[in-house]
């Protein structure tokens, strides 16, 4: 068993957190794209929205970031127009999923 000994100078909480993340990523061979710092209030709103939308917190934040980018690129389009455009570009077809009025009560 290899034992690692660290001699730390006084380090900040952020440096300790970064070291912890580095260790976890190294041990589990996980790569991260980076850490984005946001306010606690925004994180709490993302957490609540992610619960409602059945997404992870990271997925909810990523969705909001993507939609914000799209809104800046296409300020003349509504949210629904942006989603429809993105669905079309991904070739998502919902024709077979739409319930017909006579099948809705089955």
Protein backbone atom coordinates (compact mmCIF):
# COMPACT_ATOMS: atom_id res chain seq x y z
CA UNK A 1 0.00 0.00 0.00
CA UNK A 2 1.37 3.39 -0.98
CA UNK A 3 0.85 6.10 1.57
CA UNK A 4 0.87 9.69 0.48
CA UNK A 5 1.85 12.32 3.01
CA UNK A 6 0.98 15.93 2.36
CA UNK A 7 2.58 18.86 4.12
CA UNK A 8 0.18 21.74 3.70
CA UNK A 9 0.87 25.36 4.18
CA UNK A 10 -2.23 27.25 5.17
CA UNK A 11 -4.46 26.87 2.12
CA UNK A 12 -7.78 28.41 1.34
CA UNK A 13 -11.01 26.48 1.36
CA UNK A 14 -11.17 26.82 -2.45
CA UNK A 15 -7.67 25.37 -2.87
CA UNK A 16 -8.61 22.46 -0.60
CA UNK A 17 -11.78 21.88 -2.62
CA UNK A 18 -9.83 21.99 -5.90
CA UNK A 19 -7.32 19.48 -4.52
CA UNK A 20 -10.17 17.21 -3.41
CA UNK A 21 -11.79 17.35 -6.86
CA UNK A 22 -8.42 16.64 -8.50
CA UNK A 23 -7.94 13.62 -6.23
CA UNK A 24 -11.42 12.24 -6.96
CA UNK A 25 -10.97 12.74 -10.71
CA UNK A 26 -7.56 11.04 -10.60
CA UNK A 27 -8.77 8.07 -8.55
CA UNK A 28 -11.89 7.45 -10.64
CA UNK A 29 -10.32 8.54 -13.94
CA UNK A 30 -13.00 11.16 -14.40
CA UNK A 31 -12.38 14.30 -16.35
CA UNK A 32 -14.07 17.57 -15.60
CA UNK A 33 -14.44 20.48 -17.94
CA UNK A 34 -14.02 22.97 -15.15
CA UNK A 35 -15.87 24.41 -12.25
CA UNK A 36 -18.14 27.40 -12.72
CA UNK A 37 -18.62 29.56 -9.66
CA UNK A 38 -22.16 30.77 -9.14
CA UNK A 39 -23.94 32.37 -6.23
CA UNK A 40 -25.61 30.21 -3.60
CA UNK A 41 -28.96 31.79 -4.48
CA UNK A 42 -28.65 30.83 -8.15
CA UNK A 43 -27.54 27.31 -7.19
CA UNK A 44 -30.62 26.95 -5.00
CA UNK A 45 -32.89 28.05 -7.87
CA UNK A 46 -31.17 25.58 -10.23
CA UNK A 47 -31.62 22.84 -7.64
CA UNK A 48 -35.35 23.57 -7.30
CA UNK A 49 -35.87 23.80 -11.08
CA UNK A 50 -33.94 20.57 -11.64
CA UNK A 51 -36.30 18.76 -9.29
CA UNK A 52 -39.37 20.05 -11.13
CA UNK A 53 -37.90 19.24 -14.55
CA UNK A 54 -36.53 15.80 -13.52
CA UNK A 55 -32.98 16.82 -14.43
CA UNK A 56 -29.76 16.70 -12.50
CA UNK A 57 -28.55 20.03 -11.16
CA UNK A 58 -25.76 20.04 -13.75
CA UNK A 59 -28.17 19.21 -16.57
CA UNK A 60 -30.51 22.00 -15.50
CA UNK A 61 -27.66 24.52 -15.42
CA UNK A 62 -26.43 23.30 -18.81
CA UNK A 63 -29.95 23.63 -20.26
CA UNK A 64 -30.28 27.20 -18.99
CA UNK A 65 -26.84 28.08 -20.35
CA UNK A 66 -27.67 26.62 -23.78
CA UNK A 67 -31.01 28.41 -23.92
CA UNK A 68 -29.39 31.68 -22.85
CA UNK A 69 -26.81 31.34 -25.62
CA UNK A 70 -29.54 30.60 -28.16
CA UNK A 71 -31.58 33.59 -26.95
CA UNK A 72 -28.56 35.87 -27.40
CA UNK A 73 -27.87 34.46 -30.87
CA UNK A 74 -31.53 34.67 -31.95
CA UNK A 75 -33.16 37.53 -29.98
CA UNK A 76 -36.14 37.59 -32.35
CA UNK A 77 -37.22 34.01 -31.48
CA UNK A 78 -39.40 33.01 -28.55
CA UNK A 79 -38.46 30.23 -26.14
CA UNK A 80 -40.85 27.84 -27.93
CA UNK A 81 -39.36 28.78 -31.30
CA UNK A 82 -35.83 28.13 -29.99
CA UNK A 83 -36.83 24.71 -28.62
CA UNK A 84 -38.62 23.81 -31.87
CA UNK A 85 -35.55 24.85 -33.89
CA UNK A 86 -33.23 22.79 -31.68
CA UNK A 87 -35.55 19.77 -31.89
CA UNK A 88 -35.68 20.08 -35.66
CA UNK A 89 -31.89 20.31 -35.91
CA UNK A 90 -31.63 17.15 -33.78
CA UNK A 91 -34.21 15.48 -36.08
CA UNK A 92 -36.59 14.77 -33.19
CA UNK A 93 -39.95 13.59 -34.51
CA UNK A 94 -42.95 13.68 -32.20
CA UNK A 95 -45.61 12.84 -34.79
CA UNK A 96 -46.16 9.35 -33.42
CA UNK A 97 -46.18 10.53 -29.80
CA UNK A 98 -49.02 13.01 -30.05
CA UNK A 99 -52.19 11.51 -28.62
CA UNK A 100 -55.20 11.58 -30.86
CA UNK A 101 -58.45 12.85 -29.29
CA UNK A 102 -60.15 9.43 -29.50
CA UNK A 103 -57.14 7.62 -27.93
CA UNK A 104 -56.62 10.02 -25.00
CA UNK A 105 -59.26 8.29 -22.83
CA UNK A 106 -57.98 4.72 -23.37
